[in-house]
Amino acid sequence: MKVLGISGSPIKNSNTDRALKIVLESTSMKSEFIKLSDYNVGSCDACLGCIKTNKCIKKDDGIMLAEKTYKADAVIIAGYTSYSSLDSRTKAYIERLYPLRHRHGLMSGKPGAAIITSAIPHGQEGWPPAAEIGIQAIKNFMIEEGMKFIGGVSLLGNVPCIRCGQEGQCQMSSLKMIHGQDATPESVGINDFENDPKKIAELQQLGEAIRNSFS
């Protein structure tokens, strides 16, 4: 049995990456971690060139990733929220799995799960529920493909303003929009999910649930 983990985060060793690796390890299954920013994956062109073959005709890494996804026994998709919706890399990867749908439903019955990192705190007044939107996007894909959605975990991430170095001059600071006009990178700090034992337990439980879905 093999579980495939897909990370849409382009940041090296990000919260998204580390959380995904915990879930993969907790499955106690053979696993593979893939970081989408290491590959060239364009969006679906809606050409329907895949209908008869179940393979995309667009010549990039999307073909290889779809093949890996098809061969995996379970799939965990981990992304983040950009402008309160699912990030473009993760969305493109999902779109490129469309060839697996035609006629045979090649993803049907496969267990799947979601991880989403969002810089907007849960329940933040005046902001959309970004993490929930991201998880729902992945869940919708899995349900529409006939997969077994096992669950999703959301993490509190970091806005790019934390590390851009222009906080004092920026009129569009997301840091201040979210945390107040007096917020600074120093006062807000870096969010690392490992500082929350409950979140680690939640990730481990998700991995165990994926493994148990085969029993």
N, C-alpha and C. Protein backbone atom coordinates (compact mmCIF):
# COMPACT_ATOMS: atom_id res chain seq x y z
N MET A 1 0.84 -1.19 0.00
CA MET A 1 0.00 0.00 0.00
C MET A 1 0.88 1.25 0.00
N LYS A 2 0.52 2.22 -0.81
CA LYS A 2 1.31 3.45 -0.89
C LYS A 2 0.40 4.66 -0.84
N VAL A 3 0.82 5.66 -0.07
CA VAL A 3 0.09 6.92 0.01
C VAL A 3 0.94 8.02 -0.60
N LEU A 4 0.31 8.85 -1.42
CA LEU A 4 1.00 9.95 -2.09
C LEU A 4 0.62 11.26 -1.42
N GLY A 5 1.63 12.07 -1.09
CA GLY A 5 1.40 13.39 -0.50
C GLY A 5 1.82 14.48 -1.45
N ILE A 6 0.91 15.41 -1.74
CA ILE A 6 1.16 16.50 -2.68
C ILE A 6 1.13 17.83 -1.93
N SER A 7 2.21 18.59 -1.99
CA SER A 7 2.25 19.92 -1.36
C SER A 7 2.27 21.01 -2.41
N GLY A 8 1.33 21.95 -2.30
CA GLY A 8 1.28 23.08 -3.21
C GLY A 8 2.07 24.28 -2.73
N SER A 9 2.67 24.19 -1.55
CA SER A 9 3.43 25.32 -1.02
C SER A 9 4.78 25.46 -1.72
N PRO A 10 5.12 26.67 -2.21
CA PRO A 10 6.42 26.88 -2.85
C PRO A 10 7.53 27.20 -1.86
N ILE A 11 7.18 27.40 -0.60
CA ILE A 11 8.16 27.78 0.41
C ILE A 11 8.91 26.55 0.92
N LYS A 12 10.22 26.64 0.99
CA LYS A 12 11.03 25.51 1.43
C LYS A 12 10.71 25.14 2.87
N ASN A 13 10.46 23.85 3.10
CA ASN A 13 10.19 23.32 4.44
C ASN A 13 9.09 24.12 5.15
N SER A 14 8.03 24.40 4.44
CA SER A 14 6.93 25.22 4.97
C SER A 14 6.11 24.46 5.99
N ASN A 15 5.22 25.18 6.68
CA ASN A 15 4.26 24.54 7.58
C ASN A 15 3.48 23.47 6.82
N THR A 16 3.08 23.79 5.60
CA THR A 16 2.32 22.85 4.78
C THR A 16 3.12 21.58 4.53
N ASP A 17 4.38 21.73 4.15
CA ASP A 17 5.25 20.57 3.90
C ASP A 17 5.39 19.71 5.15
N ARG A 18 5.71 20.35 6.26
CA ARG A 18 6.00 19.61 7.49
C ARG A 18 4.76 18.89 8.00
N ALA A 19 3.62 19.55 7.90
CA ALA A 19 2.37 18.93 8.34
C ALA A 19 2.05 17.71 7.47
N LEU A 20 2.23 17.86 6.17
CA LEU A 20 1.96 16.75 5.27
C LEU A 20 2.86 15.55 5.59
N LYS A 21 4.11 15.81 5.89
CA LYS A 21 5.04 14.72 6.20
C LYS A 21 4.65 14.00 7.49
N ILE A 22 4.09 14.72 8.45
CA ILE A 22 3.61 14.08 9.68
C ILE A 22 2.46 13.13 9.37
N VAL A 23 1.53 13.59 8.53
CA VAL A 23 0.40 12.73 8.17
C VAL A 23 0.89 11.50 7.41
N LEU A 24 1.79 11.70 6.46
CA LEU A 24 2.33 10.57 5.70
C LEU A 24 2.98 9.55 6.62
N GLU A 25 3.80 10.03 7.55
CA GLU A 25 4.48 9.13 8.48
C GLU A 25 3.48 8.40 9.37
N SER A 26 2.42 9.10 9.76
CA SER A 26 1.43 8.52 10.68
C SER A 26 0.57 7.45 10.02
N THR A 27 0.58 7.38 8.70
CA THR A 27 -0.16 6.30 8.04
C THR A 27 0.53 4.96 8.22
N SER A 28 1.83 4.98 8.52
CA SER A 28 2.65 3.76 8.60
C SER A 28 2.65 2.99 7.28
N MET A 29 2.35 3.69 6.20
CA MET A 29 2.35 3.09 4.87
C MET A 29 3.57 3.58 4.09
N LYS A 30 3.90 2.89 3.05
CA LYS A 30 4.91 3.40 2.13
C LYS A 30 4.39 4.72 1.57
N SER A 31 5.25 5.72 1.50
CA SER A 31 4.76 7.04 1.09
C SER A 31 5.74 7.75 0.17
N GLU A 32 5.20 8.73 -0.54
CA GLU A 32 6.01 9.60 -1.40
C GLU A 32 5.53 11.03 -1.23
N PHE A 33 6.47 11.95 -1.02
CA PHE A 33 6.18 13.37 -0.87
C PHE A 33 6.56 14.10 -2.15
N ILE A 34 5.64 14.88 -2.68
CA ILE A 34 5.90 15.65 -3.90
C ILE A 34 5.60 17.12 -3.65
N LYS A 35 6.55 17.98 -4.02
CA LYS A 35 6.39 19.42 -3.89
C LYS A 35 6.15 19.99 -5.29
N LEU A 36 4.96 20.53 -5.51
CA LEU A 36 4.57 20.94 -6.85
C LEU A 36 5.46 22.01 -7.45
N SER A 37 6.07 22.85 -6.61
CA SER A 37 6.93 23.91 -7.14
C SER A 37 8.21 23.36 -7.78
N ASP A 38 8.49 22.07 -7.57
CA ASP A 38 9.64 21.43 -8.21
C ASP A 38 9.32 20.96 -9.63
N TYR A 39 8.06 21.12 -10.03
CA TYR A 39 7.62 20.59 -11.31
C TYR A 39 6.91 21.66 -12.13
N ASN A 40 6.76 21.39 -13.41
CA ASN A 40 6.04 22.28 -14.31
C ASN A 40 4.66 21.68 -14.59
N VAL A 41 3.64 22.27 -13.98
CA VAL A 41 2.28 21.74 -14.11
C VAL A 41 1.35 22.88 -14.52
N GLY A 42 0.95 22.89 -15.77
CA GLY A 42 0.03 23.90 -16.25
C GLY A 42 -1.41 23.52 -15.93
N SER A 43 -2.30 24.47 -16.11
CA SER A 43 -3.71 24.21 -15.85
C SER A 43 -4.33 23.42 -17.00
N CYS A 44 -5.49 22.85 -16.76
CA CYS A 44 -6.22 22.11 -17.79
C CYS A 44 -6.67 23.07 -18.89
N ASP A 45 -6.52 22.67 -20.15
CA ASP A 45 -6.93 23.50 -21.28
C ASP A 45 -8.35 23.20 -21.76
N ALA A 46 -9.03 22.27 -21.09
CA ALA A 46 -10.41 21.90 -21.45
C ALA A 46 -10.54 21.48 -22.91
N CYS A 47 -9.50 20.82 -23.43
CA CYS A 47 -9.49 20.42 -24.84
C CYS A 47 -10.18 19.08 -25.08
N LEU A 48 -10.37 18.32 -23.99
CA LEU A 48 -10.99 16.99 -24.05
C LEU A 48 -10.17 15.98 -24.86
N GLY A 49 -8.87 16.26 -24.98
CA GLY A 49 -8.00 15.33 -25.68
C GLY A 49 -7.71 14.06 -24.90
N CYS A 50 -8.19 14.01 -23.66
CA CYS A 50 -7.91 12.88 -22.78
C CYS A 50 -9.06 11.87 -22.71
N ILE A 51 -10.15 12.13 -23.39
CA ILE A 51 -11.37 11.34 -23.21
C ILE A 51 -11.17 9.85 -23.49
N LYS A 52 -10.53 9.51 -24.59
CA LYS A 52 -10.42 8.11 -24.99
C LYS A 52 -9.25 7.38 -24.35
N THR A 53 -8.23 8.13 -23.93
CA THR A 53 -7.01 7.50 -23.42
C THR A 53 -6.84 7.62 -21.91
N ASN A 54 -7.60 8.50 -21.26
CA ASN A 54 -7.42 8.82 -19.85
C ASN A 54 -6.04 9.41 -19.57
N LYS A 55 -5.43 10.01 -20.59
CA LYS A 55 -4.14 10.65 -20.43
C LYS A 55 -4.16 12.02 -21.09
N CYS A 56 -3.56 13.00 -20.40
CA CYS A 56 -3.51 14.36 -20.91
C CYS A 56 -2.55 14.44 -22.10
N ILE A 57 -2.86 15.34 -23.02
CA ILE A 57 -1.97 15.53 -24.18
C ILE A 57 -1.05 16.73 -24.00
N LYS A 58 -1.16 17.41 -22.87
CA LYS A 58 -0.33 18.59 -22.60
C LYS A 58 1.03 18.11 -22.09
N LYS A 59 2.08 18.47 -22.77
CA LYS A 59 3.40 17.91 -22.50
C LYS A 59 4.12 18.66 -21.38
N ASP A 60 3.79 18.31 -20.15
CA ASP A 60 4.52 18.83 -19.00
C ASP A 60 4.46 17.78 -17.89
N ASP A 61 4.84 18.16 -16.68
CA ASP A 61 4.91 17.19 -15.59
C ASP A 61 3.54 16.75 -15.07
N GLY A 62 2.49 17.39 -15.52
CA GLY A 62 1.15 16.99 -15.10
C GLY A 62 0.82 15.56 -15.47
N ILE A 63 1.36 15.08 -16.59
CA ILE A 63 1.12 13.70 -17.02
C ILE A 63 1.71 12.72 -16.02
N MET A 64 2.95 12.96 -15.62
CA MET A 64 3.63 12.09 -14.66
C MET A 64 2.93 12.11 -13.30
N LEU A 65 2.50 13.30 -12.86
CA LEU A 65 1.86 13.41 -11.55
C LEU A 65 0.50 12.72 -11.54
N ALA A 66 -0.22 12.81 -12.65
CA ALA A 66 -1.50 12.10 -12.74
C ALA A 66 -1.28 10.59 -12.67
N GLU A 67 -0.23 10.11 -13.30
CA GLU A 67 0.08 8.68 -13.27
C GLU A 67 0.43 8.23 -11.86
N LYS A 68 1.23 9.02 -11.15
CA LYS A 68 1.57 8.70 -9.77
C LYS A 68 0.32 8.70 -8.89
N THR A 69 -0.55 9.66 -9.13
CA THR A 69 -1.78 9.75 -8.33
C THR A 69 -2.67 8.54 -8.58
N TYR A 70 -2.78 8.14 -9.82
CA TYR A 70 -3.59 6.97 -10.17
C TYR A 70 -3.04 5.70 -9.52
N LYS A 71 -1.73 5.55 -9.50
CA LYS A 71 -1.11 4.33 -8.97
C LYS A 71 -1.11 4.29 -7.44
N ALA A 72 -1.23 5.45 -6.79
CA ALA A 72 -1.23 5.48 -5.32
C ALA A 72 -2.52 4.89 -4.78
N ASP A 73 -2.42 4.30 -3.60
CA ASP A 73 -3.61 3.73 -2.95
C ASP A 73 -4.40 4.78 -2.19
N ALA A 74 -3.73 5.85 -1.78
CA ALA A 74 -4.38 6.96 -1.08
C ALA A 74 -3.64 8.24 -1.44
N VAL A 75 -4.34 9.37 -1.34
CA VAL A 75 -3.77 10.66 -1.74
C VAL A 75 -4.09 11.71 -0.69
N ILE A 76 -3.06 12.46 -0.29
CA ILE A 76 -3.25 13.60 0.61
C ILE A 76 -2.82 14.85 -0.15
N ILE A 77 -3.72 15.80 -0.26
CA ILE A 77 -3.43 17.05 -0.97
C ILE A 77 -3.31 18.17 0.05
N ALA A 78 -2.16 18.83 0.06
CA ALA A 78 -1.90 19.91 1.01
C ALA A 78 -1.63 21.20 0.24
N GLY A 79 -2.40 22.23 0.54
CA GLY A 79 -2.22 23.51 -0.12
C GLY A 79 -2.31 24.65 0.87
N TYR A 80 -2.39 25.86 0.35
CA TYR A 80 -2.54 27.03 1.21
C TYR A 80 -3.55 27.96 0.56
N THR A 81 -3.94 29.00 1.27
CA THR A 81 -4.93 29.91 0.71
C THR A 81 -4.28 31.21 0.27
N SER A 82 -4.53 31.57 -0.98
CA SER A 82 -4.10 32.84 -1.55
C SER A 82 -5.35 33.63 -1.90
N TYR A 83 -5.46 34.85 -1.39
CA TYR A 83 -6.68 35.63 -1.58
C TYR A 83 -7.92 34.82 -1.18
N SER A 84 -7.78 34.11 -0.06
CA SER A 84 -8.89 33.37 0.56
C SER A 84 -9.47 32.27 -0.32
N SER A 85 -8.64 31.72 -1.20
CA SER A 85 -9.06 30.56 -1.99
C SER A 85 -7.87 29.64 -2.19
N LEU A 86 -8.10 28.48 -2.75
CA LEU A 86 -7.03 27.51 -2.92
C LEU A 86 -5.95 28.02 -3.87
N ASP A 87 -4.70 27.80 -3.50
CA ASP A 87 -3.57 28.31 -4.29
C ASP A 87 -3.54 27.71 -5.69
N SER A 88 -2.90 28.41 -6.60
CA SER A 88 -2.94 28.06 -8.02
C SER A 88 -2.23 26.75 -8.35
N ARG A 89 -1.13 26.44 -7.69
CA ARG A 89 -0.42 25.20 -7.99
C ARG A 89 -1.28 23.99 -7.63
N THR A 90 -1.86 24.03 -6.44
CA THR A 90 -2.69 22.91 -6.01
C THR A 90 -3.91 22.77 -6.91
N LYS A 91 -4.49 23.90 -7.27
CA LYS A 91 -5.67 23.87 -8.15
C LYS A 91 -5.30 23.31 -9.53
N ALA A 92 -4.16 23.71 -10.06
CA ALA A 92 -3.73 23.20 -11.37
C ALA A 92 -3.51 21.69 -11.31
N TYR A 93 -2.88 21.23 -10.24
CA TYR A 93 -2.67 19.78 -10.08
C TYR A 93 -4.00 19.04 -10.08
N ILE A 94 -4.97 19.55 -9.33
CA ILE A 94 -6.29 18.91 -9.27
C ILE A 94 -6.93 18.89 -10.66
N GLU A 95 -6.86 20.01 -11.36
CA GLU A 95 -7.44 20.07 -12.70
C GLU A 95 -6.81 19.04 -13.64
N ARG A 96 -5.52 18.82 -13.48
CA ARG A 96 -4.82 17.91 -14.38
C ARG A 96 -5.09 16.43 -14.08
N LEU A 97 -5.87 16.18 -13.02
CA LEU A 97 -6.32 14.81 -12.75
C LEU A 97 -7.61 14.49 -13.49
N TYR A 98 -8.14 15.47 -14.20
CA TYR A 98 -9.39 15.28 -14.94
C TYR A 98 -9.36 14.10 -15.90
N PRO A 99 -8.24 13.81 -16.57
CA PRO A 99 -8.21 12.67 -17.48
C PRO A 99 -8.56 11.34 -16.81
N LEU A 100 -8.33 11.23 -15.51
CA LEU A 100 -8.59 9.98 -14.80
C LEU A 100 -10.08 9.73 -14.59
N ARG A 101 -10.88 10.70 -14.91
CA ARG A 101 -12.32 10.62 -14.65
C ARG A 101 -13.09 9.86 -15.73
N HIS A 102 -12.73 10.08 -16.99
CA HIS A 102 -13.55 9.63 -18.11
C HIS A 102 -13.82 8.13 -18.12
N ARG A 103 -15.05 7.77 -18.33
CA ARG A 103 -15.53 6.41 -18.57
C ARG A 103 -15.33 5.44 -17.41
N HIS A 104 -14.12 5.43 -16.83
CA HIS A 104 -13.79 4.39 -15.85
C HIS A 104 -13.77 4.88 -14.40
N GLY A 105 -13.72 6.19 -14.17
CA GLY A 105 -13.64 6.70 -12.80
C GLY A 105 -12.45 6.12 -12.06
N LEU A 106 -11.25 6.38 -12.57
CA LEU A 106 -10.05 5.73 -12.07
C LEU A 106 -9.66 6.13 -10.65
N MET A 107 -10.23 7.20 -10.13
CA MET A 107 -9.94 7.61 -8.75
C MET A 107 -11.02 7.12 -7.78
N SER A 108 -12.06 6.51 -8.30
CA SER A 108 -13.20 6.11 -7.49
C SER A 108 -12.80 5.12 -6.39
N GLY A 109 -13.25 5.38 -5.17
CA GLY A 109 -12.99 4.51 -4.04
C GLY A 109 -11.67 4.76 -3.33
N LYS A 110 -10.81 5.60 -3.89
CA LYS A 110 -9.50 5.86 -3.30
C LYS A 110 -9.64 6.80 -2.11
N PRO A 111 -9.07 6.46 -0.94
CA PRO A 111 -9.12 7.37 0.21
C PRO A 111 -8.31 8.64 -0.06
N GLY A 112 -8.82 9.76 0.41
CA GLY A 112 -8.13 11.03 0.24
C GLY A 112 -8.33 11.94 1.43
N ALA A 113 -7.43 12.90 1.58
CA ALA A 113 -7.51 13.84 2.70
C ALA A 113 -6.92 15.18 2.28
N ALA A 114 -7.18 16.19 3.09
CA ALA A 114 -6.75 17.56 2.77
C ALA A 114 -6.05 18.21 3.95
N ILE A 115 -5.06 19.03 3.64
CA ILE A 115 -4.40 19.90 4.61
C ILE A 115 -4.36 21.29 4.00
N ILE A 116 -4.75 22.28 4.78
CA ILE A 116 -4.73 23.66 4.29
C ILE A 116 -4.06 24.56 5.33
N THR A 117 -3.14 25.39 4.86
CA THR A 117 -2.53 26.42 5.69
C THR A 117 -3.08 27.78 5.27
N SER A 118 -3.52 28.55 6.25
CA SER A 118 -4.07 29.88 5.98
C SER A 118 -3.56 30.87 7.01
N ALA A 119 -3.26 32.08 6.56
CA ALA A 119 -2.76 33.11 7.47
C ALA A 119 -3.89 33.81 8.22
N ILE A 120 -5.13 33.56 7.83
CA ILE A 120 -6.27 34.19 8.49
C ILE A 120 -6.71 33.31 9.66
N PRO A 121 -6.65 33.82 10.89
CA PRO A 121 -7.07 33.02 12.05
C PRO A 121 -8.53 32.59 11.93
N HIS A 122 -8.82 31.41 12.44
CA HIS A 122 -10.19 30.88 12.39
C HIS A 122 -11.15 31.83 13.09
N GLY A 123 -12.23 32.16 12.41
CA GLY A 123 -13.25 33.02 13.01
C GLY A 123 -12.89 34.49 13.04
N GLN A 124 -11.85 34.90 12.30
CA GLN A 124 -11.44 36.31 12.29
C GLN A 124 -12.57 37.18 11.74
N GLU A 125 -13.01 38.14 12.52
CA GLU A 125 -14.13 38.99 12.13
C GLU A 125 -13.79 39.81 10.89
N GLY A 126 -14.71 39.85 9.94
CA GLY A 126 -14.53 40.64 8.73
C GLY A 126 -13.75 39.95 7.63
N TRP A 127 -13.34 38.72 7.86
CA TRP A 127 -12.57 37.97 6.86
C TRP A 127 -13.31 36.69 6.49
N PRO A 128 -13.16 36.23 5.25
CA PRO A 128 -13.80 34.97 4.85
C PRO A 128 -13.14 33.79 5.54
N PRO A 129 -13.84 32.68 5.69
CA PRO A 129 -13.26 31.47 6.31
C PRO A 129 -12.33 30.77 5.33
N ALA A 130 -11.16 31.35 5.14
CA ALA A 130 -10.26 30.90 4.06
C ALA A 130 -9.88 29.42 4.19
N ALA A 131 -9.51 28.99 5.39
CA ALA A 131 -9.08 27.60 5.56
C ALA A 131 -10.20 26.63 5.20
N GLU A 132 -11.41 26.95 5.64
CA GLU A 132 -12.56 26.10 5.33
C GLU A 132 -12.83 26.06 3.83
N ILE A 133 -12.65 27.22 3.18
CA ILE A 133 -12.84 27.29 1.72
C ILE A 133 -11.83 26.39 1.01
N GLY A 134 -10.57 26.43 1.47
CA GLY A 134 -9.53 25.61 0.86
C GLY A 134 -9.78 24.12 1.03
N ILE A 135 -10.13 23.72 2.25
CA ILE A 135 -10.42 22.30 2.50
C ILE A 135 -11.63 21.85 1.68
N GLN A 136 -12.65 22.70 1.61
CA GLN A 136 -13.85 22.34 0.86
C GLN A 136 -13.55 22.16 -0.62
N ALA A 137 -12.63 22.97 -1.16
CA ALA A 137 -12.27 22.84 -2.57
C ALA A 137 -11.66 21.47 -2.86
N ILE A 138 -10.78 21.02 -1.98
CA ILE A 138 -10.17 19.70 -2.15
C ILE A 138 -11.20 18.60 -1.92
N LYS A 139 -12.02 18.79 -0.90
CA LYS A 139 -13.07 17.80 -0.61
C LYS A 139 -14.03 17.67 -1.79
N ASN A 140 -14.42 18.80 -2.37
CA ASN A 140 -15.34 18.77 -3.51
C ASN A 140 -14.76 17.94 -4.66
N PHE A 141 -13.47 18.16 -4.94
CA PHE A 141 -12.82 17.39 -6.00
C PHE A 141 -12.90 15.90 -5.70
N MET A 142 -12.56 15.52 -4.48
CA MET A 142 -12.51 14.11 -4.13
C MET A 142 -13.90 13.47 -4.18
N ILE A 143 -14.89 14.18 -3.71
CA ILE A 143 -16.26 13.65 -3.76
C ILE A 143 -16.72 13.49 -5.20
N GLU A 144 -16.44 14.49 -6.03
CA GLU A 144 -16.87 14.42 -7.43
C GLU A 144 -16.18 13.29 -8.19
N GLU A 145 -15.00 12.89 -7.73
CA GLU A 145 -14.29 11.78 -8.37
C GLU A 145 -14.65 10.43 -7.76
N GLY A 146 -15.56 10.41 -6.80
CA GLY A 146 -15.97 9.16 -6.19
C GLY A 146 -15.00 8.63 -5.16
N MET A 147 -14.09 9.48 -4.69
CA MET A 147 -13.13 9.08 -3.68
C MET A 147 -13.77 9.06 -2.29
N LYS A 148 -13.07 8.47 -1.34
CA LYS A 148 -13.52 8.46 0.06
C LYS A 148 -12.78 9.58 0.79
N PHE A 149 -13.47 10.67 1.09
CA PHE A 149 -12.81 11.78 1.78
C PHE A 149 -12.72 11.44 3.27
N ILE A 150 -11.50 11.28 3.76
CA ILE A 150 -11.28 10.85 5.14
C ILE A 150 -11.35 12.02 6.11
N GLY A 151 -10.86 13.19 5.69
CA GLY A 151 -10.91 14.35 6.57
C GLY A 151 -9.92 15.42 6.14
N GLY A 152 -9.96 16.53 6.86
CA GLY A 152 -9.07 17.65 6.56
C GLY A 152 -8.58 18.32 7.82
N VAL A 153 -7.39 18.89 7.75
CA VAL A 153 -6.80 19.62 8.88
C VAL A 153 -6.38 21.00 8.38
N SER A 154 -6.72 22.02 9.14
CA SER A 154 -6.30 23.39 8.79
C SER A 154 -5.24 23.86 9.77
N LEU A 155 -4.30 24.64 9.26
CA LEU A 155 -3.20 25.18 10.05
C LEU A 155 -3.16 26.69 9.92
N LEU A 156 -2.72 27.37 10.96
CA LEU A 156 -2.51 28.81 10.89
C LEU A 156 -1.12 29.07 10.35
N GLY A 157 -1.06 29.75 9.21
CA GLY A 157 0.22 30.03 8.57
C GLY A 157 0.68 31.46 8.79
N ASN A 158 1.46 31.97 7.86
CA ASN A 158 2.06 33.30 7.98
C ASN A 158 1.84 34.11 6.71
N VAL A 159 1.49 35.37 6.87
CA VAL A 159 1.36 36.24 5.70
C VAL A 159 2.76 36.57 5.17
N PRO A 160 2.91 36.77 3.86
CA PRO A 160 4.23 37.10 3.29
C PRO A 160 4.84 38.35 3.91
N CYS A 161 3.98 39.24 4.44
CA CYS A 161 4.48 40.49 5.04
C CYS A 161 5.45 40.24 6.20
N ILE A 162 5.36 39.06 6.80
CA ILE A 162 6.24 38.72 7.91
C ILE A 162 7.71 38.77 7.48
N ARG A 163 7.98 38.44 6.21
CA ARG A 163 9.37 38.33 5.76
C ARG A 163 9.72 39.23 4.57
N CYS A 164 8.81 40.15 4.19
CA CYS A 164 9.08 40.95 2.98
C CYS A 164 10.08 42.08 3.24
N GLY A 165 10.18 42.55 4.49
CA GLY A 165 11.13 43.60 4.83
C GLY A 165 10.67 45.01 4.52
N GLN A 166 9.43 45.17 4.06
CA GLN A 166 8.91 46.50 3.69
C GLN A 166 7.75 46.93 4.57
N GLU A 167 7.61 46.32 5.70
CA GLU A 167 6.44 46.55 6.55
C GLU A 167 6.25 48.02 6.90
N GLY A 168 7.33 48.72 7.17
CA GLY A 168 7.20 50.12 7.57
C GLY A 168 6.74 51.05 6.47
N GLN A 169 6.95 50.67 5.20
CA GLN A 169 6.61 51.53 4.07
C GLN A 169 5.33 51.11 3.34
N CYS A 170 4.80 49.94 3.65
CA CYS A 170 3.69 49.38 2.87
C CYS A 170 2.33 49.90 3.32
N GLN A 171 1.53 50.33 2.35
CA GLN A 171 0.16 50.79 2.63
C GLN A 171 -0.86 49.65 2.52
N MET A 172 -0.41 48.48 2.12
CA MET A 172 -1.32 47.35 1.90
C MET A 172 -0.94 46.15 2.76
N SER A 173 -0.44 46.40 3.94
CA SER A 173 0.05 45.33 4.80
C SER A 173 -1.08 44.39 5.24
N SER A 174 -0.97 43.14 4.84
CA SER A 174 -1.93 42.14 5.32
C SER A 174 -1.75 41.89 6.81
N LEU A 175 -0.54 42.08 7.28
CA LEU A 175 -0.27 41.92 8.71
C LEU A 175 -1.14 42.86 9.52
N LYS A 176 -1.20 44.13 9.09
CA LYS A 176 -2.01 45.12 9.81
C LYS A 176 -3.50 44.92 9.53
N MET A 177 -3.84 44.49 8.32
CA MET A 177 -5.24 44.23 8.00
C MET A 177 -5.83 43.15 8.90
N ILE A 178 -5.03 42.14 9.17
CA ILE A 178 -5.51 41.00 9.95
C ILE A 178 -5.37 41.23 11.45
N HIS A 179 -4.23 41.78 11.86
CA HIS A 179 -3.91 41.83 13.28
C HIS A 179 -4.01 43.23 13.90
N GLY A 180 -4.35 44.24 13.10
CA GLY A 180 -4.49 45.58 13.64
C GLY A 180 -3.35 46.50 13.21
N GLN A 181 -3.61 47.80 13.26
CA GLN A 181 -2.66 48.79 12.75
C GLN A 181 -1.35 48.85 13.53
N ASP A 182 -1.35 48.37 14.75
CA ASP A 182 -0.12 48.39 15.55
C ASP A 182 0.71 47.12 15.39
N ALA A 183 0.22 46.20 14.58
CA ALA A 183 0.91 44.92 14.43
C ALA A 183 2.24 45.08 13.69
N THR A 184 3.23 44.35 14.13
CA THR A 184 4.54 44.31 13.48
C THR A 184 4.95 42.84 13.36
N PRO A 185 5.93 42.55 12.50
CA PRO A 185 6.40 41.16 12.43
C PRO A 185 6.86 40.64 13.79
N GLU A 186 7.44 41.53 14.59
CA GLU A 186 7.93 41.12 15.90
C GLU A 186 6.79 40.81 16.86
N SER A 187 5.73 41.64 16.82
CA SER A 187 4.62 41.44 17.76
C SER A 187 3.75 40.24 17.39
N VAL A 188 3.64 39.97 16.09
CA VAL A 188 2.83 38.83 15.65
C VAL A 188 3.62 37.53 15.71
N GLY A 189 4.87 37.59 15.28
CA GLY A 189 5.72 36.41 15.31
C GLY A 189 5.43 35.42 14.19
N ILE A 190 6.26 34.39 14.15
CA ILE A 190 6.13 33.34 13.14
C ILE A 190 5.28 32.21 13.70
N ASN A 191 4.29 31.79 12.94
CA ASN A 191 3.45 30.66 13.35
C ASN A 191 4.07 29.35 12.89
N ASP A 192 4.42 28.50 13.85
CA ASP A 192 4.87 27.14 13.58
C ASP A 192 3.90 26.19 14.25
N PHE A 193 3.23 25.35 13.48
CA PHE A 193 2.18 24.51 14.05
C PHE A 193 2.72 23.54 15.10
N GLU A 194 4.03 23.25 15.05
CA GLU A 194 4.62 22.34 16.04
C GLU A 194 4.49 22.86 17.47
N ASN A 195 4.22 24.16 17.62
CA ASN A 195 4.04 24.72 18.96
C ASN A 195 2.67 24.38 19.55
N ASP A 196 1.82 23.74 18.77
CA ASP A 196 0.48 23.37 19.22
C ASP A 196 0.36 21.84 19.25
N PRO A 197 0.50 21.23 20.43
CA PRO A 197 0.43 19.76 20.53
C PRO A 197 -0.89 19.20 20.00
N LYS A 198 -1.97 19.94 20.16
CA LYS A 198 -3.28 19.47 19.68
C LYS A 198 -3.29 19.36 18.15
N LYS A 199 -2.61 20.30 17.50
CA LYS A 199 -2.57 20.26 16.04
C LYS A 199 -1.73 19.08 15.55
N ILE A 200 -0.63 18.80 16.23
CA ILE A 200 0.18 17.64 15.87
C ILE A 200 -0.64 16.36 16.03
N ALA A 201 -1.39 16.27 17.13
CA ALA A 201 -2.23 15.10 17.36
C ALA A 201 -3.30 14.97 16.28
N GLU A 202 -3.84 16.09 15.85
CA GLU A 202 -4.87 16.08 14.80
C GLU A 202 -4.30 15.55 13.49
N LEU A 203 -3.08 15.95 13.17
CA LEU A 203 -2.42 15.47 11.96
C LEU A 203 -2.13 13.97 12.05
N GLN A 204 -1.65 13.54 13.21
CA GLN A 204 -1.36 12.12 13.40
C GLN A 204 -2.63 11.28 13.30
N GLN A 205 -3.71 11.79 13.86
CA GLN A 205 -4.99 11.07 13.80
C GLN A 205 -5.49 10.96 12.36
N LEU A 206 -5.23 11.99 11.55
CA LEU A 206 -5.64 11.93 10.15
C LEU A 206 -4.88 10.83 9.42
N GLY A 207 -3.58 10.74 9.70
CA GLY A 207 -2.79 9.68 9.09
C GLY A 207 -3.27 8.29 9.49
N GLU A 208 -3.58 8.14 10.76
CA GLU A 208 -4.08 6.86 11.25
C GLU A 208 -5.43 6.51 10.62
N ALA A 209 -6.27 7.54 10.43
CA ALA A 209 -7.58 7.31 9.82
C ALA A 209 -7.45 6.85 8.37
N ILE A 210 -6.46 7.40 7.67
CA ILE A 210 -6.22 6.96 6.29
C ILE A 210 -5.81 5.49 6.28
N ARG A 211 -4.90 5.12 7.17
CA ARG A 211 -4.47 3.71 7.24
C ARG A 211 -5.65 2.80 7.59
N ASN A 212 -6.45 3.22 8.56
CA ASN A 212 -7.57 2.39 9.02
C ASN A 212 -8.67 2.26 7.97
N SER A 213 -8.68 3.17 7.00
CA SER A 213 -9.72 3.10 5.97
C SER A 213 -9.56 1.87 5.08
N PHE A 214 -8.41 1.21 5.17
CA PHE A 214 -8.18 0.01 4.37
C PHE A 214 -8.54 -1.27 5.11
N SER A 215 -8.87 -1.15 6.40
CA SER A 215 -9.17 -2.36 7.19
C SER A 215 -10.64 -2.71 7.14
